[in-house]
Amino acid sequence: TGFVRARSVMHLREQLTDKGQCSSF
């Protein structure tokens, strides 16, 4: 569709925060 909602990216960022060493993703 050419569009991605911010909520989807935030879902990824939450996972990166859980898996990474940094809490501010």
mmCIF file of all heavy atoms, coordinates in Angstrom:
data_MODEL
# 
_entry.id   MODEL 
# 
loop_
_atom_site.group_PDB 
_atom_site.id 
_atom_site.type_symbol 
_atom_site.label_atom_id 
_atom_site.label_alt_id 
_atom_site.label_comp_id 
_atom_site.label_asym_id 
_atom_site.label_entity_id 
_atom_site.label_seq_id 
_atom_site.pdbx_PDB_ins_code 
_atom_site.Cartn_x 
_atom_site.Cartn_y 
_atom_site.Cartn_z 
_atom_site.occupancy 
_atom_site.B_iso_or_equiv 
_atom_site.pdbx_formal_charge 
_atom_site.auth_seq_id 
_atom_site.auth_comp_id 
_atom_site.auth_asym_id 
_atom_site.auth_atom_id 
_atom_site.pdbx_PDB_model_num 
ATOM 1   N N   . THR A 1 1  ? 0.802  -1.227  0.000  1.00 0.00 ? 1  THR A N   1 
ATOM 2   C CA  . THR A 1 1  ? 0.000  0.000   0.000  1.00 0.00 ? 1  THR A CA  1 
ATOM 3   C C   . THR A 1 1  ? 0.835  1.277   0.000  1.00 0.00 ? 1  THR A C   1 
ATOM 4   O O   . THR A 1 1  ? 0.291  2.365   -0.175 1.00 0.00 ? 1  THR A O   1 
ATOM 5   C CB  . THR A 1 1  ? -0.926 0.038   1.232  1.00 0.00 ? 1  THR A CB  1 
ATOM 6   O OG1 . THR A 1 1  ? -0.127 0.153   2.418  1.00 0.00 ? 1  THR A OG1 1 
ATOM 7   C CG2 . THR A 1 1  ? -1.757 -1.234  1.321  1.00 0.00 ? 1  THR A CG2 1 
ATOM 8   N N   . GLY A 1 2  ? 2.151  1.149   0.222  1.00 0.00 ? 2  GLY A N   1 
ATOM 9   C CA  . GLY A 1 2  ? 3.002  2.334   0.269  1.00 0.00 ? 2  GLY A CA  1 
ATOM 10  C C   . GLY A 1 2  ? 2.940  3.069   1.592  1.00 0.00 ? 2  GLY A C   1 
ATOM 11  O O   . GLY A 1 2  ? 3.454  4.187   1.698  1.00 0.00 ? 2  GLY A O   1 
ATOM 12  N N   . PHE A 1 3  ? 2.334  2.464   2.613  1.00 0.00 ? 3  PHE A N   1 
ATOM 13  C CA  . PHE A 1 3  ? 2.198  3.162   3.898  1.00 0.00 ? 3  PHE A CA  1 
ATOM 14  C C   . PHE A 1 3  ? 2.395  2.191   5.062  1.00 0.00 ? 3  PHE A C   1 
ATOM 15  O O   . PHE A 1 3  ? 1.883  1.073   5.048  1.00 0.00 ? 3  PHE A O   1 
ATOM 16  C CB  . PHE A 1 3  ? 0.811  3.806   4.012  1.00 0.00 ? 3  PHE A CB  1 
ATOM 17  C CG  . PHE A 1 3  ? 0.582  4.509   5.328  1.00 0.00 ? 3  PHE A CG  1 
ATOM 18  C CD1 . PHE A 1 3  ? 1.249  5.675   5.642  1.00 0.00 ? 3  PHE A CD1 1 
ATOM 19  C CD2 . PHE A 1 3  ? -0.295 3.976   6.267  1.00 0.00 ? 3  PHE A CD2 1 
ATOM 20  C CE1 . PHE A 1 3  ? 1.048  6.322   6.855  1.00 0.00 ? 3  PHE A CE1 1 
ATOM 21  C CE2 . PHE A 1 3  ? -0.508 4.610   7.487  1.00 0.00 ? 3  PHE A CE2 1 
ATOM 22  C CZ  . PHE A 1 3  ? 0.166  5.782   7.776  1.00 0.00 ? 3  PHE A CZ  1 
ATOM 23  N N   . VAL A 1 4  ? 3.168  2.631   6.062  1.00 0.00 ? 4  VAL A N   1 
ATOM 24  C CA  . VAL A 1 4  ? 3.370  1.861   7.290  1.00 0.00 ? 4  VAL A CA  1 
ATOM 25  C C   . VAL A 1 4  ? 3.026  2.750   8.483  1.00 0.00 ? 4  VAL A C   1 
ATOM 26  O O   . VAL A 1 4  ? 3.526  3.869   8.595  1.00 0.00 ? 4  VAL A O   1 
ATOM 27  C CB  . VAL A 1 4  ? 4.833  1.376   7.416  1.00 0.00 ? 4  VAL A CB  1 
ATOM 28  C CG1 . VAL A 1 4  ? 5.023  0.605   8.722  1.00 0.00 ? 4  VAL A CG1 1 
ATOM 29  C CG2 . VAL A 1 4  ? 5.222  0.523   6.227  1.00 0.00 ? 4  VAL A CG2 1 
ATOM 30  N N   . ARG A 1 5  ? 2.175  2.261   9.356  1.00 0.00 ? 5  ARG A N   1 
ATOM 31  C CA  . ARG A 1 5  ? 1.762  3.030   10.529 1.00 0.00 ? 5  ARG A CA  1 
ATOM 32  C C   . ARG A 1 5  ? 2.889  3.117   11.554 1.00 0.00 ? 5  ARG A C   1 
ATOM 33  O O   . ARG A 1 5  ? 3.690  2.195   11.705 1.00 0.00 ? 5  ARG A O   1 
ATOM 34  C CB  . ARG A 1 5  ? 0.546  2.384   11.180 1.00 0.00 ? 5  ARG A CB  1 
ATOM 35  C CG  . ARG A 1 5  ? -0.690 2.362   10.309 1.00 0.00 ? 5  ARG A CG  1 
ATOM 36  C CD  . ARG A 1 5  ? -1.818 1.597   10.982 1.00 0.00 ? 5  ARG A CD  1 
ATOM 37  N NE  . ARG A 1 5  ? -1.444 0.195   11.202 1.00 0.00 ? 5  ARG A NE  1 
ATOM 38  C CZ  . ARG A 1 5  ? -2.209 -0.673  11.840 1.00 0.00 ? 5  ARG A CZ  1 
ATOM 39  N NH1 . ARG A 1 5  ? -3.374 -0.299  12.324 1.00 0.00 ? 5  ARG A NH1 1 
ATOM 40  N NH2 . ARG A 1 5  ? -1.806 -1.926  11.996 1.00 0.00 ? 5  ARG A NH2 1 
ATOM 41  N N   . ALA A 1 6  ? 2.914  4.215   12.296 1.00 0.00 ? 6  ALA A N   1 
ATOM 42  C CA  . ALA A 1 6  ? 3.930  4.394   13.339 1.00 0.00 ? 6  ALA A CA  1 
ATOM 43  C C   . ALA A 1 6  ? 3.830  3.301   14.395 1.00 0.00 ? 6  ALA A C   1 
ATOM 44  O O   . ALA A 1 6  ? 4.841  2.902   14.983 1.00 0.00 ? 6  ALA A O   1 
ATOM 45  C CB  . ALA A 1 6  ? 3.773  5.770   13.989 1.00 0.00 ? 6  ALA A CB  1 
ATOM 46  N N   . ARG A 1 7  ? 2.638  2.776   14.621 1.00 0.00 ? 7  ARG A N   1 
ATOM 47  C CA  . ARG A 1 7  ? 2.454  1.737   15.630 1.00 0.00 ? 7  ARG A CA  1 
ATOM 48  C C   . ARG A 1 7  ? 3.231  0.472   15.267 1.00 0.00 ? 7  ARG A C   1 
ATOM 49  O O   . ARG A 1 7  ? 3.738  -0.231  16.143 1.00 0.00 ? 7  ARG A O   1 
ATOM 50  C CB  . ARG A 1 7  ? 0.967  1.415   15.792 1.00 0.00 ? 7  ARG A CB  1 
ATOM 51  C CG  . ARG A 1 7  ? 0.662  0.491   16.976 1.00 0.00 ? 7  ARG A CG  1 
ATOM 52  C CD  . ARG A 1 7  ? -0.824 0.398   17.228 1.00 0.00 ? 7  ARG A CD  1 
ATOM 53  N NE  . ARG A 1 7  ? -1.518 -0.273  16.133 1.00 0.00 ? 7  ARG A NE  1 
ATOM 54  C CZ  . ARG A 1 7  ? -2.828 -0.501  16.111 1.00 0.00 ? 7  ARG A CZ  1 
ATOM 55  N NH1 . ARG A 1 7  ? -3.591 -0.079  17.112 1.00 0.00 ? 7  ARG A NH1 1 
ATOM 56  N NH2 . ARG A 1 7  ? -3.392 -1.121  15.099 1.00 0.00 ? 7  ARG A NH2 1 
ATOM 57  N N   . SER A 1 8  ? 3.318  0.178   13.986 1.00 0.00 ? 8  SER A N   1 
ATOM 58  C CA  . SER A 1 8  ? 4.069  -1.001  13.544 1.00 0.00 ? 8  SER A CA  1 
ATOM 59  C C   . SER A 1 8  ? 5.561  -0.831  13.803 1.00 0.00 ? 8  SER A C   1 
ATOM 60  O O   . SER A 1 8  ? 6.243  -1.761  14.245 1.00 0.00 ? 8  SER A O   1 
ATOM 61  C CB  . SER A 1 8  ? 3.826  -1.257  12.051 1.00 0.00 ? 8  SER A CB  1 
ATOM 62  O OG  . SER A 1 8  ? 2.468  -1.528  11.797 1.00 0.00 ? 8  SER A OG  1 
ATOM 63  N N   . VAL A 1 9  ? 6.077  0.360   13.516 1.00 0.00 ? 9  VAL A N   1 
ATOM 64  C CA  . VAL A 1 9  ? 7.489  0.625   13.777 1.00 0.00 ? 9  VAL A CA  1 
ATOM 65  C C   . VAL A 1 9  ? 7.753  0.615   15.281 1.00 0.00 ? 9  VAL A C   1 
ATOM 66  O O   . VAL A 1 9  ? 8.789  0.115   15.735 1.00 0.00 ? 9  VAL A O   1 
ATOM 67  C CB  . VAL A 1 9  ? 7.920  1.966   13.155 1.00 0.00 ? 9  VAL A CB  1 
ATOM 68  C CG1 . VAL A 1 9  ? 9.393  2.262   13.462 1.00 0.00 ? 9  VAL A CG1 1 
ATOM 69  C CG2 . VAL A 1 9  ? 7.704  1.953   11.644 1.00 0.00 ? 9  VAL A CG2 1 
ATOM 70  N N   . MET A 1 10 ? 6.812  1.132   16.065 1.00 0.00 ? 10 MET A N   1 
ATOM 71  C CA  . MET A 1 10 ? 6.971  1.121   17.512 1.00 0.00 ? 10 MET A CA  1 
ATOM 72  C C   . MET A 1 10 ? 7.009  -0.312  18.047 1.00 0.00 ? 10 MET A C   1 
ATOM 73  O O   . MET A 1 10 ? 7.748  -0.614  18.998 1.00 0.00 ? 10 MET A O   1 
ATOM 74  C CB  . MET A 1 10 ? 5.840  1.906   18.176 1.00 0.00 ? 10 MET A CB  1 
ATOM 75  C CG  . MET A 1 10 ? 5.941  1.972   19.703 1.00 0.00 ? 10 MET A CG  1 
ATOM 76  S SD  . MET A 1 10 ? 7.500  2.732   20.282 1.00 0.00 ? 10 MET A SD  1 
ATOM 77  C CE  . MET A 1 10 ? 7.154  4.470   19.931 1.00 0.00 ? 10 MET A CE  1 
ATOM 78  N N   . HIS A 1 11 ? 6.244  -1.192  17.440 1.00 0.00 ? 11 HIS A N   1 
ATOM 79  C CA  . HIS A 1 11 ? 6.276  -2.609  17.825 1.00 0.00 ? 11 HIS A CA  1 
ATOM 80  C C   . HIS A 1 11 ? 7.683  -3.170  17.631 1.00 0.00 ? 11 HIS A C   1 
ATOM 81  O O   . HIS A 1 11 ? 8.205  -3.895  18.497 1.00 0.00 ? 11 HIS A O   1 
ATOM 82  C CB  . HIS A 1 11 ? 5.261  -3.390  16.995 1.00 0.00 ? 11 HIS A CB  1 
ATOM 83  C CG  . HIS A 1 11 ? 4.991  -4.765  17.517 1.00 0.00 ? 11 HIS A CG  1 
ATOM 84  N ND1 . HIS A 1 11 ? 4.249  -5.695  16.813 1.00 0.00 ? 11 HIS A ND1 1 
ATOM 85  C CD2 . HIS A 1 11 ? 5.372  -5.401  18.671 1.00 0.00 ? 11 HIS A CD2 1 
ATOM 86  C CE1 . HIS A 1 11 ? 4.184  -6.814  17.513 1.00 0.00 ? 11 HIS A CE1 1 
ATOM 87  N NE2 . HIS A 1 11 ? 4.854  -6.666  18.633 1.00 0.00 ? 11 HIS A NE2 1 
ATOM 88  N N   . LEU A 1 12 ? 8.313  -2.833  16.502 1.00 0.00 ? 12 LEU A N   1 
ATOM 89  C CA  . LEU A 1 12 ? 9.682  -3.267  16.250 1.00 0.00 ? 12 LEU A CA  1 
ATOM 90  C C   . LEU A 1 12 ? 10.640 -2.635  17.250 1.00 0.00 ? 12 LEU A C   1 
ATOM 91  O O   . LEU A 1 12 ? 11.532 -3.308  17.783 1.00 0.00 ? 12 LEU A O   1 
ATOM 92  C CB  . LEU A 1 12 ? 10.086 -2.910  14.820 1.00 0.00 ? 12 LEU A CB  1 
ATOM 93  C CG  . LEU A 1 12 ? 11.528 -3.235  14.416 1.00 0.00 ? 12 LEU A CG  1 
ATOM 94  C CD1 . LEU A 1 12 ? 11.779 -4.741  14.464 1.00 0.00 ? 12 LEU A CD1 1 
ATOM 95  C CD2 . LEU A 1 12 ? 11.844 -2.687  13.034 1.00 0.00 ? 12 LEU A CD2 1 
ATOM 96  N N   . ARG A 1 13 ? 10.464 -1.348  17.533 1.00 0.00 ? 13 ARG A N   1 
ATOM 97  C CA  . ARG A 1 13 ? 11.350 -0.643  18.468 1.00 0.00 ? 13 ARG A CA  1 
ATOM 98  C C   . ARG A 1 13 ? 11.257 -1.237  19.877 1.00 0.00 ? 13 ARG A C   1 
ATOM 99  O O   . ARG A 1 13 ? 12.266 -1.330  20.589 1.00 0.00 ? 13 ARG A O   1 
ATOM 100 C CB  . ARG A 1 13 ? 10.998 0.845   18.493 1.00 0.00 ? 13 ARG A CB  1 
ATOM 101 C CG  . ARG A 1 13 ? 11.238 1.545   17.166 1.00 0.00 ? 13 ARG A CG  1 
ATOM 102 C CD  . ARG A 1 13 ? 10.680 2.956   17.142 1.00 0.00 ? 13 ARG A CD  1 
ATOM 103 N NE  . ARG A 1 13 ? 11.553 3.891   17.837 1.00 0.00 ? 13 ARG A NE  1 
ATOM 104 C CZ  . ARG A 1 13 ? 11.260 5.177   18.001 1.00 0.00 ? 13 ARG A CZ  1 
ATOM 105 N NH1 . ARG A 1 13 ? 10.103 5.663   17.528 1.00 0.00 ? 13 ARG A NH1 1 
ATOM 106 N NH2 . ARG A 1 13 ? 12.083 5.975   18.621 1.00 0.00 ? 13 ARG A NH2 1 
ATOM 107 N N   . GLU A 1 14 ? 10.072 -1.656  20.259 1.00 0.00 ? 14 GLU A N   1 
ATOM 108 C CA  . GLU A 1 14 ? 9.904  -2.288  21.574 1.00 0.00 ? 14 GLU A CA  1 
ATOM 109 C C   . GLU A 1 14 ? 10.669 -3.609  21.639 1.00 0.00 ? 14 GLU A C   1 
ATOM 110 O O   . GLU A 1 14 ? 11.291 -3.933  22.655 1.00 0.00 ? 14 GLU A O   1 
ATOM 111 C CB  . GLU A 1 14 ? 8.420  -2.522  21.849 1.00 0.00 ? 14 GLU A CB  1 
ATOM 112 C CG  . GLU A 1 14 ? 7.648  -1.241  22.116 1.00 0.00 ? 14 GLU A CG  1 
ATOM 113 C CD  . GLU A 1 14 ? 6.137  -1.441  22.075 1.00 0.00 ? 14 GLU A CD  1 
ATOM 114 O OE1 . GLU A 1 14 ? 5.678  -2.535  21.672 1.00 0.00 ? 14 GLU A OE1 1 
ATOM 115 O OE2 . GLU A 1 14 ? 5.410  -0.497  22.439 1.00 0.00 ? 14 GLU A OE2 1 
ATOM 116 N N   . GLN A 1 15 ? 10.638 -4.355  20.544 1.00 0.00 ? 15 GLN A N   1 
ATOM 117 C CA  . GLN A 1 15 ? 11.380 -5.614  20.502 1.00 0.00 ? 15 GLN A CA  1 
ATOM 118 C C   . GLN A 1 15 ? 12.883 -5.374  20.520 1.00 0.00 ? 15 GLN A C   1 
ATOM 119 O O   . GLN A 1 15 ? 13.634 -6.108  21.175 1.00 0.00 ? 15 GLN A O   1 
ATOM 120 C CB  . GLN A 1 15 ? 11.002 -6.409  19.244 1.00 0.00 ? 15 GLN A CB  1 
ATOM 121 C CG  . GLN A 1 15 ? 9.587  -6.949  19.244 1.00 0.00 ? 15 GLN A CG  1 
ATOM 122 C CD  . GLN A 1 15 ? 9.367  -7.954  20.356 1.00 0.00 ? 15 GLN A CD  1 
ATOM 123 O OE1 . GLN A 1 15 ? 10.140 -8.895  20.518 1.00 0.00 ? 15 GLN A OE1 1 
ATOM 124 N NE2 . GLN A 1 15 ? 8.309  -7.753  21.136 1.00 0.00 ? 15 GLN A NE2 1 
ATOM 125 N N   . LEU A 1 16 ? 13.340 -4.327  19.830 1.00 0.00 ? 16 LEU A N   1 
ATOM 126 C CA  . LEU A 1 16 ? 14.761 -3.993  19.833 1.00 0.00 ? 16 LEU A CA  1 
ATOM 127 C C   . LEU A 1 16 ? 15.216 -3.582  21.227 1.00 0.00 ? 16 LEU A C   1 
ATOM 128 O O   . LEU A 1 16 ? 16.332 -3.899  21.650 1.00 0.00 ? 16 LEU A O   1 
ATOM 129 C CB  . LEU A 1 16 ? 15.045 -2.861  18.836 1.00 0.00 ? 16 LEU A CB  1 
ATOM 130 C CG  . LEU A 1 16 ? 14.782 -3.150  17.356 1.00 0.00 ? 16 LEU A CG  1 
ATOM 131 C CD1 . LEU A 1 16 ? 15.139 -1.950  16.510 1.00 0.00 ? 16 LEU A CD1 1 
ATOM 132 C CD2 . LEU A 1 16 ? 15.559 -4.371  16.894 1.00 0.00 ? 16 LEU A CD2 1 
ATOM 133 N N   . THR A 1 17 ? 14.360 -2.880  21.946 1.00 0.00 ? 17 THR A N   1 
ATOM 134 C CA  . THR A 1 17 ? 14.686 -2.478  23.312 1.00 0.00 ? 17 THR A CA  1 
ATOM 135 C C   . THR A 1 17 ? 14.814 -3.705  24.211 1.00 0.00 ? 17 THR A C   1 
ATOM 136 O O   . THR A 1 17 ? 15.716 -3.793  25.046 1.00 0.00 ? 17 THR A O   1 
ATOM 137 C CB  . THR A 1 17 ? 13.604 -1.536  23.869 1.00 0.00 ? 17 THR A CB  1 
ATOM 138 O OG1 . THR A 1 17 ? 13.549 -0.360  23.049 1.00 0.00 ? 17 THR A OG1 1 
ATOM 139 C CG2 . THR A 1 17 ? 13.917 -1.130  25.301 1.00 0.00 ? 17 THR A CG2 1 
ATOM 140 N N   . ASP A 1 18 ? 13.920 -4.676  24.021 1.00 0.00 ? 18 ASP A N   1 
ATOM 141 C CA  . ASP A 1 18 ? 13.969 -5.897  24.830 1.00 0.00 ? 18 ASP A CA  1 
ATOM 142 C C   . ASP A 1 18 ? 15.211 -6.725  24.522 1.00 0.00 ? 18 ASP A C   1 
ATOM 143 O O   . ASP A 1 18 ? 15.835 -7.287  25.426 1.00 0.00 ? 18 ASP A O   1 
ATOM 144 C CB  . ASP A 1 18 ? 12.722 -6.764  24.572 1.00 0.00 ? 18 ASP A CB  1 
ATOM 145 C CG  . ASP A 1 18 ? 11.456 -6.124  25.114 1.00 0.00 ? 18 ASP A CG  1 
ATOM 146 O OD1 . ASP A 1 18 ? 11.563 -5.226  25.971 1.00 0.00 ? 18 ASP A OD1 1 
ATOM 147 O OD2 . ASP A 1 18 ? 10.365 -6.516  24.667 1.00 0.00 ? 18 ASP A OD2 1 
ATOM 148 N N   . LYS A 1 19 ? 15.577 -6.797  23.233 1.00 0.00 ? 19 LYS A N   1 
ATOM 149 C CA  . LYS A 1 19 ? 16.685 -7.662  22.831 1.00 0.00 ? 19 LYS A CA  1 
ATOM 150 C C   . LYS A 1 19 ? 18.046 -6.988  22.948 1.00 0.00 ? 19 LYS A C   1 
ATOM 151 O O   . LYS A 1 19 ? 19.061 -7.657  23.096 1.00 0.00 ? 19 LYS A O   1 
ATOM 152 C CB  . LYS A 1 19 ? 16.498 -8.121  21.374 1.00 0.00 ? 19 LYS A CB  1 
ATOM 153 C CG  . LYS A 1 19 ? 15.178 -8.826  21.081 1.00 0.00 ? 19 LYS A CG  1 
ATOM 154 C CD  . LYS A 1 19 ? 15.044 -10.115 21.840 1.00 0.00 ? 19 LYS A CD  1 
ATOM 155 C CE  . LYS A 1 19 ? 13.834 -10.921 21.377 1.00 0.00 ? 19 LYS A CE  1 
ATOM 156 N NZ  . LYS A 1 19 ? 12.557 -10.212 21.548 1.00 0.00 ? 19 LYS A NZ  1 
ATOM 157 N N   . GLY A 1 20 ? 18.084 -5.663  22.873 1.00 0.00 ? 20 GLY A N   1 
ATOM 158 C CA  . GLY A 1 20 ? 19.358 -4.954  22.877 1.00 0.00 ? 20 GLY A CA  1 
ATOM 159 C C   . GLY A 1 20 ? 19.818 -4.562  24.266 1.00 0.00 ? 20 GLY A C   1 
ATOM 160 O O   . GLY A 1 20 ? 19.186 -4.858  25.279 1.00 0.00 ? 20 GLY A O   1 
ATOM 161 N N   . GLN A 1 21 ? 20.936 -3.872  24.278 1.00 0.00 ? 21 GLN A N   1 
ATOM 162 C CA  . GLN A 1 21 ? 21.514 -3.415  25.539 1.00 0.00 ? 21 GLN A CA  1 
ATOM 163 C C   . GLN A 1 21 ? 21.075 -1.991  25.893 1.00 0.00 ? 21 GLN A C   1 
ATOM 164 O O   . GLN A 1 21 ? 21.454 -1.465  26.917 1.00 0.00 ? 21 GLN A O   1 
ATOM 165 C CB  . GLN A 1 21 ? 23.051 -3.443  25.438 1.00 0.00 ? 21 GLN A CB  1 
ATOM 166 C CG  . GLN A 1 21 ? 23.613 -4.783  25.017 1.00 0.00 ? 21 GLN A CG  1 
ATOM 167 C CD  . GLN A 1 21 ? 23.318 -5.875  26.017 1.00 0.00 ? 21 GLN A CD  1 
ATOM 168 O OE1 . GLN A 1 21 ? 23.421 -5.653  27.218 1.00 0.00 ? 21 GLN A OE1 1 
ATOM 169 N NE2 . GLN A 1 21 ? 22.927 -7.044  25.539 1.00 0.00 ? 21 GLN A NE2 1 
ATOM 170 N N   . CYS A 1 22 ? 20.269 -1.396  25.033 1.00 0.00 ? 22 CYS A N   1 
ATOM 171 C CA  . CYS A 1 22 ? 19.876 0.002   25.216 1.00 0.00 ? 22 CYS A CA  1 
ATOM 172 C C   . CYS A 1 22 ? 18.371 0.091   25.452 1.00 0.00 ? 22 CYS A C   1 
ATOM 173 O O   . CYS A 1 22 ? 17.582 -0.550  24.761 1.00 0.00 ? 22 CYS A O   1 
ATOM 174 C CB  . CYS A 1 22 ? 20.275 0.816   23.983 1.00 0.00 ? 22 CYS A CB  1 
ATOM 175 S SG  . CYS A 1 22 ? 19.902 2.557   24.115 1.00 0.00 ? 22 CYS A SG  1 
ATOM 176 N N   . SER A 1 23 ? 17.982 0.891   26.409 1.00 0.00 ? 23 SER A N   1 
ATOM 177 C CA  . SER A 1 23 ? 16.568 0.981   26.787 1.00 0.00 ? 23 SER A CA  1 
ATOM 178 C C   . SER A 1 23 ? 15.841 2.145   26.132 1.00 0.00 ? 23 SER A C   1 
ATOM 179 O O   . SER A 1 23 ? 14.672 2.378   26.427 1.00 0.00 ? 23 SER A O   1 
ATOM 180 C CB  . SER A 1 23 ? 16.460 1.121   28.317 1.00 0.00 ? 23 SER A CB  1 
ATOM 181 O OG  . SER A 1 23 ? 17.118 2.309   28.745 1.00 0.00 ? 23 SER A OG  1 
ATOM 182 N N   . SER A 1 24 ? 16.519 2.867   25.240 1.00 0.00 ? 24 SER A N   1 
ATOM 183 C CA  . SER A 1 24 ? 15.910 4.085   24.695 1.00 0.00 ? 24 SER A CA  1 
ATOM 184 C C   . SER A 1 24 ? 15.561 3.986   23.219 1.00 0.00 ? 24 SER A C   1 
ATOM 185 O O   . SER A 1 24 ? 15.387 5.005   22.554 1.00 0.00 ? 24 SER A O   1 
ATOM 186 C CB  . SER A 1 24 ? 16.853 5.281   24.926 1.00 0.00 ? 24 SER A CB  1 
ATOM 187 O OG  . SER A 1 24 ? 18.123 5.040   24.353 1.00 0.00 ? 24 SER A OG  1 
ATOM 188 N N   . PHE A 1 25 ? 15.433 2.774   22.684 1.00 0.00 ? 25 PHE A N   1 
ATOM 189 C CA  . PHE A 1 25 ? 15.080 2.628   21.278 1.00 0.00 ? 25 PHE A CA  1 
ATOM 190 C C   . PHE A 1 25 ? 13.652 3.080   20.996 1.00 0.00 ? 25 PHE A C   1 
ATOM 191 O O   . PHE A 1 25 ? 13.299 3.342   19.854 1.00 0.00 ? 25 PHE A O   1 
ATOM 192 C CB  . PHE A 1 25 ? 15.257 1.177   20.828 1.00 0.00 ? 25 PHE A CB  1 
ATOM 193 C CG  . PHE A 1 25 ? 16.567 0.916   20.131 1.00 0.00 ? 25 PHE A CG  1 
ATOM 194 C CD1 . PHE A 1 25 ? 17.627 0.357   20.813 1.00 0.00 ? 25 PHE A CD1 1 
ATOM 195 C CD2 . PHE A 1 25 ? 16.744 1.255   18.803 1.00 0.00 ? 25 PHE A CD2 1 
ATOM 196 C CE1 . PHE A 1 25 ? 18.841 0.127   20.180 1.00 0.00 ? 25 PHE A CE1 1 
ATOM 197 C CE2 . PHE A 1 25 ? 17.953 1.034   18.153 1.00 0.00 ? 25 PHE A CE2 1 
ATOM 198 C CZ  . PHE A 1 25 ? 19.005 0.471   18.857 1.00 0.00 ? 25 PHE A CZ  1 
# 
